Amino acid sequence: MTTNTDAEDFAERMFSSALGYFDILSIYVGLRLELYGALNAGGSKTSHELAERAGIHERYAREWLEQQATRGILHADVTGPEPRFSLPAA
């Protein structure tokens, strides 16, 4: 007999796996478009600065940066008028 806890555990594993998949996909996009290198060159950047440096549309830069920051891959400094993103020292 399946208990509610078993179903919740399974749902949690599936959700965690889906998040991991999107992390890997987003990392692949960052590597393929050389966004990590563009972000690392010259310190932290806004989405506008990254888009200009990488030659992509600002909206794509912003969405990629926000996804990376919410998953803890990038650091976001939201203290100024516009968020600035950077690679962590590690």
N, C-alpha and C. Protein backbone atom coordinates (compact mmCIF):
# COMPACT_ATOMS: atom_id res chain seq x y z
N MET A 1 0.84 -1.18 0.00
CA MET A 1 0.00 0.00 0.00
C MET A 1 0.89 1.25 0.00
N THR A 2 0.56 2.17 -0.85
CA THR A 2 1.31 3.42 -0.94
C THR A 2 0.74 4.43 0.05
N THR A 3 1.61 5.00 0.85
CA THR A 3 1.16 6.01 1.79
C THR A 3 1.35 7.39 1.18
N ASN A 4 0.73 8.36 1.80
CA ASN A 4 0.85 9.74 1.35
C ASN A 4 2.31 10.19 1.41
N THR A 5 3.04 9.74 2.40
CA THR A 5 4.45 10.09 2.55
C THR A 5 5.26 9.54 1.37
N ASP A 6 4.96 8.32 0.93
CA ASP A 6 5.65 7.75 -0.23
C ASP A 6 5.42 8.60 -1.47
N ALA A 7 4.19 9.02 -1.68
CA ALA A 7 3.85 9.85 -2.84
C ALA A 7 4.54 11.20 -2.74
N GLU A 8 4.57 11.78 -1.56
CA GLU A 8 5.23 13.07 -1.37
C GLU A 8 6.74 12.95 -1.59
N ASP A 9 7.33 11.87 -1.10
CA ASP A 9 8.76 11.64 -1.31
C ASP A 9 9.07 11.52 -2.80
N PHE A 10 8.23 10.76 -3.51
CA PHE A 10 8.43 10.60 -4.95
C PHE A 10 8.29 11.93 -5.68
N ALA A 11 7.27 12.70 -5.33
CA ALA A 11 7.05 14.00 -5.96
C ALA A 11 8.25 14.93 -5.69
N GLU A 12 8.77 14.88 -4.49
CA GLU A 12 9.93 15.71 -4.14
C GLU A 12 11.16 15.30 -4.96
N ARG A 13 11.37 14.00 -5.13
CA ARG A 13 12.50 13.52 -5.95
C ARG A 13 12.35 13.97 -7.40
N MET A 14 11.14 13.89 -7.93
CA MET A 14 10.90 14.29 -9.32
C MET A 14 11.11 15.80 -9.48
N PHE A 15 10.64 16.58 -8.53
CA PHE A 15 10.81 18.02 -8.58
C PHE A 15 12.29 18.39 -8.51
N SER A 16 13.01 17.75 -7.61
CA SER A 16 14.45 17.99 -7.46
C SER A 16 15.20 17.60 -8.74
N SER A 17 14.81 16.50 -9.34
CA SER A 17 15.43 16.06 -10.59
C SER A 17 15.17 17.05 -11.71
N ALA A 18 13.96 17.58 -11.78
CA ALA A 18 13.62 18.57 -12.81
C ALA A 18 14.45 19.84 -12.63
N LEU A 19 14.60 20.29 -11.39
CA LEU A 19 15.44 21.47 -11.14
C LEU A 19 16.89 21.21 -11.55
N GLY A 20 17.39 20.04 -11.24
CA GLY A 20 18.75 19.68 -11.63
C GLY A 20 18.92 19.67 -13.13
N TYR A 21 17.93 19.17 -13.84
CA TYR A 21 17.98 19.16 -15.31
C TYR A 21 18.08 20.58 -15.84
N PHE A 22 17.25 21.49 -15.32
CA PHE A 22 17.29 22.86 -15.80
C PHE A 22 18.58 23.56 -15.41
N ASP A 23 19.17 23.20 -14.27
CA ASP A 23 20.48 23.74 -13.91
C ASP A 23 21.52 23.34 -14.95
N ILE A 24 21.55 22.07 -15.29
CA ILE A 24 22.52 21.57 -16.27
C ILE A 24 22.29 22.22 -17.63
N LEU A 25 21.04 22.33 -18.04
CA LEU A 25 20.72 22.96 -19.32
C LEU A 25 21.17 24.43 -19.34
N SER A 26 20.93 25.13 -18.26
CA SER A 26 21.33 26.54 -18.18
C SER A 26 22.85 26.70 -18.15
N ILE A 27 23.53 25.78 -17.47
CA ILE A 27 25.00 25.81 -17.47
C ILE A 27 25.51 25.56 -18.88
N TYR A 28 24.90 24.62 -19.59
CA TYR A 28 25.28 24.35 -20.98
C TYR A 28 25.12 25.61 -21.84
N VAL A 29 24.01 26.29 -21.69
CA VAL A 29 23.78 27.53 -22.45
C VAL A 29 24.87 28.55 -22.12
N GLY A 30 25.19 28.68 -20.83
CA GLY A 30 26.23 29.63 -20.42
C GLY A 30 27.59 29.29 -21.00
N LEU A 31 27.90 28.00 -21.07
CA LEU A 31 29.17 27.58 -21.66
C LEU A 31 29.17 27.77 -23.17
N ARG A 32 28.08 27.37 -23.80
CA ARG A 32 27.97 27.43 -25.26
C ARG A 32 28.04 28.87 -25.78
N LEU A 33 27.40 29.80 -25.07
CA LEU A 33 27.39 31.21 -25.48
C LEU A 33 28.53 32.01 -24.86
N GLU A 34 29.39 31.31 -24.10
CA GLU A 34 30.54 31.92 -23.44
C GLU A 34 30.13 33.05 -22.48
N LEU A 35 29.00 32.84 -21.81
CA LEU A 35 28.50 33.85 -20.87
C LEU A 35 29.33 33.90 -19.60
N TYR A 36 29.86 32.76 -19.16
CA TYR A 36 30.68 32.77 -17.95
C TYR A 36 31.96 33.57 -18.19
N GLY A 37 32.58 33.39 -19.33
CA GLY A 37 33.79 34.15 -19.65
C GLY A 37 33.50 35.63 -19.77
N ALA A 38 32.39 35.97 -20.42
CA ALA A 38 32.01 37.38 -20.56
C ALA A 38 31.69 37.98 -19.20
N LEU A 39 31.07 37.20 -18.33
CA LEU A 39 30.74 37.70 -16.99
C LEU A 39 31.99 37.86 -16.14
N ASN A 40 32.94 36.98 -16.31
CA ASN A 40 34.16 37.01 -15.50
C ASN A 40 35.10 38.13 -15.93
N ALA A 41 35.04 38.56 -17.17
CA ALA A 41 35.94 39.60 -17.68
C ALA A 41 35.54 40.96 -17.13
N GLY A 42 36.36 41.50 -16.26
CA GLY A 42 36.12 42.85 -15.77
C GLY A 42 35.18 42.98 -14.59
N GLY A 43 34.92 41.93 -13.87
CA GLY A 43 34.12 42.03 -12.66
C GLY A 43 32.62 41.88 -12.89
N SER A 44 31.85 42.26 -11.88
CA SER A 44 30.40 42.06 -11.92
C SER A 44 29.77 42.89 -13.04
N LYS A 45 28.60 42.40 -13.49
CA LYS A 45 27.94 43.06 -14.61
C LYS A 45 26.43 43.06 -14.40
N THR A 46 25.79 44.06 -15.00
CA THR A 46 24.34 44.07 -15.09
C THR A 46 23.95 43.22 -16.29
N SER A 47 22.67 42.95 -16.43
CA SER A 47 22.22 42.18 -17.60
C SER A 47 22.49 42.95 -18.88
N HIS A 48 22.39 44.27 -18.85
CA HIS A 48 22.69 45.08 -20.04
C HIS A 48 24.17 44.96 -20.42
N GLU A 49 25.04 45.04 -19.43
CA GLU A 49 26.47 44.93 -19.69
C GLU A 49 26.86 43.56 -20.22
N LEU A 50 26.28 42.51 -19.64
CA LEU A 50 26.58 41.16 -20.11
C LEU A 50 26.06 40.96 -21.53
N ALA A 51 24.86 41.42 -21.80
CA ALA A 51 24.28 41.28 -23.14
C ALA A 51 25.16 41.96 -24.18
N GLU A 52 25.62 43.15 -23.86
CA GLU A 52 26.48 43.87 -24.81
C GLU A 52 27.80 43.14 -25.02
N ARG A 53 28.40 42.68 -23.94
CA ARG A 53 29.70 41.99 -24.04
C ARG A 53 29.57 40.65 -24.77
N ALA A 54 28.47 39.94 -24.54
CA ALA A 54 28.30 38.61 -25.14
C ALA A 54 27.62 38.65 -26.50
N GLY A 55 27.06 39.80 -26.86
CA GLY A 55 26.39 39.91 -28.15
C GLY A 55 25.05 39.21 -28.19
N ILE A 56 24.31 39.26 -27.08
CA ILE A 56 22.98 38.64 -27.03
C ILE A 56 21.97 39.70 -26.61
N HIS A 57 20.70 39.38 -26.74
CA HIS A 57 19.63 40.28 -26.33
C HIS A 57 19.62 40.40 -24.80
N GLU A 58 19.33 41.60 -24.30
CA GLU A 58 19.36 41.84 -22.86
C GLU A 58 18.38 40.94 -22.11
N ARG A 59 17.22 40.69 -22.69
CA ARG A 59 16.23 39.83 -22.01
C ARG A 59 16.80 38.45 -21.74
N TYR A 60 17.51 37.86 -22.71
CA TYR A 60 18.08 36.53 -22.51
C TYR A 60 19.18 36.56 -21.46
N ALA A 61 19.98 37.63 -21.48
CA ALA A 61 21.02 37.77 -20.46
C ALA A 61 20.39 37.86 -19.07
N ARG A 62 19.36 38.67 -18.94
CA ARG A 62 18.70 38.86 -17.64
C ARG A 62 18.10 37.56 -17.13
N GLU A 63 17.39 36.84 -17.98
CA GLU A 63 16.76 35.59 -17.55
C GLU A 63 17.80 34.54 -17.17
N TRP A 64 18.89 34.48 -17.94
CA TRP A 64 19.95 33.52 -17.62
C TRP A 64 20.61 33.89 -16.29
N LEU A 65 20.93 35.17 -16.11
CA LEU A 65 21.56 35.62 -14.87
C LEU A 65 20.67 35.35 -13.66
N GLU A 66 19.39 35.66 -13.78
CA GLU A 66 18.47 35.46 -12.66
C GLU A 66 18.34 33.97 -12.31
N GLN A 67 18.26 33.12 -13.33
CA GLN A 67 18.17 31.68 -13.06
C GLN A 67 19.43 31.20 -12.37
N GLN A 68 20.58 31.62 -12.85
CA GLN A 68 21.84 31.19 -12.26
C GLN A 68 21.97 31.68 -10.81
N ALA A 69 21.52 32.90 -10.56
CA ALA A 69 21.60 33.45 -9.20
C ALA A 69 20.63 32.76 -8.24
N THR A 70 19.40 32.50 -8.70
CA THR A 70 18.44 31.86 -7.80
C THR A 70 18.85 30.45 -7.45
N ARG A 71 19.62 29.79 -8.29
CA ARG A 71 20.09 28.43 -8.01
C ARG A 71 21.44 28.43 -7.28
N GLY A 72 21.98 29.63 -7.00
CA GLY A 72 23.22 29.72 -6.24
C GLY A 72 24.48 29.50 -7.06
N ILE A 73 24.37 29.55 -8.38
CA ILE A 73 25.53 29.36 -9.24
C ILE A 73 26.30 30.67 -9.38
N LEU A 74 25.57 31.78 -9.47
CA LEU A 74 26.16 33.11 -9.53
C LEU A 74 25.78 33.90 -8.29
N HIS A 75 26.53 34.95 -8.03
CA HIS A 75 26.22 35.86 -6.93
C HIS A 75 25.48 37.07 -7.50
N ALA A 76 24.42 37.51 -6.82
CA ALA A 76 23.67 38.69 -7.24
C ALA A 76 23.77 39.75 -6.15
N ASP A 77 24.16 40.95 -6.54
CA ASP A 77 24.19 42.09 -5.63
C ASP A 77 23.00 42.97 -6.00
N VAL A 78 21.99 42.97 -5.16
CA VAL A 78 20.76 43.69 -5.46
C VAL A 78 20.64 44.98 -4.65
N THR A 79 21.74 45.49 -4.13
CA THR A 79 21.70 46.68 -3.29
C THR A 79 21.62 47.98 -4.10
N GLY A 80 22.01 47.94 -5.35
CA GLY A 80 21.99 49.15 -6.18
C GLY A 80 20.70 49.27 -6.96
N PRO A 81 20.66 50.25 -7.86
CA PRO A 81 19.45 50.45 -8.66
C PRO A 81 19.18 49.32 -9.66
N GLU A 82 20.22 48.65 -10.07
CA GLU A 82 20.09 47.52 -11.00
C GLU A 82 20.95 46.39 -10.48
N PRO A 83 20.42 45.15 -10.45
CA PRO A 83 21.22 44.03 -9.93
C PRO A 83 22.52 43.83 -10.73
N ARG A 84 23.57 43.47 -10.00
CA ARG A 84 24.86 43.16 -10.61
C ARG A 84 25.18 41.72 -10.26
N PHE A 85 25.68 40.99 -11.25
CA PHE A 85 25.95 39.58 -11.09
C PHE A 85 27.42 39.29 -11.26
N SER A 86 27.89 38.28 -10.54
CA SER A 86 29.30 37.89 -10.64
C SER A 86 29.44 36.41 -10.33
N LEU A 87 30.58 35.88 -10.76
CA LEU A 87 30.93 34.50 -10.42
C LEU A 87 31.46 34.49 -8.99
N PRO A 88 31.09 33.50 -8.19
CA PRO A 88 31.67 33.42 -6.85
C PRO A 88 33.15 33.08 -6.94
N ALA A 89 33.89 33.42 -5.90
CA ALA A 89 35.34 33.16 -5.90
C ALA A 89 35.66 31.69 -6.11
N ALA A 90 34.83 30.81 -5.57
CA ALA A 90 35.08 29.38 -5.69
C ALA A 90 34.88 28.94 -7.12
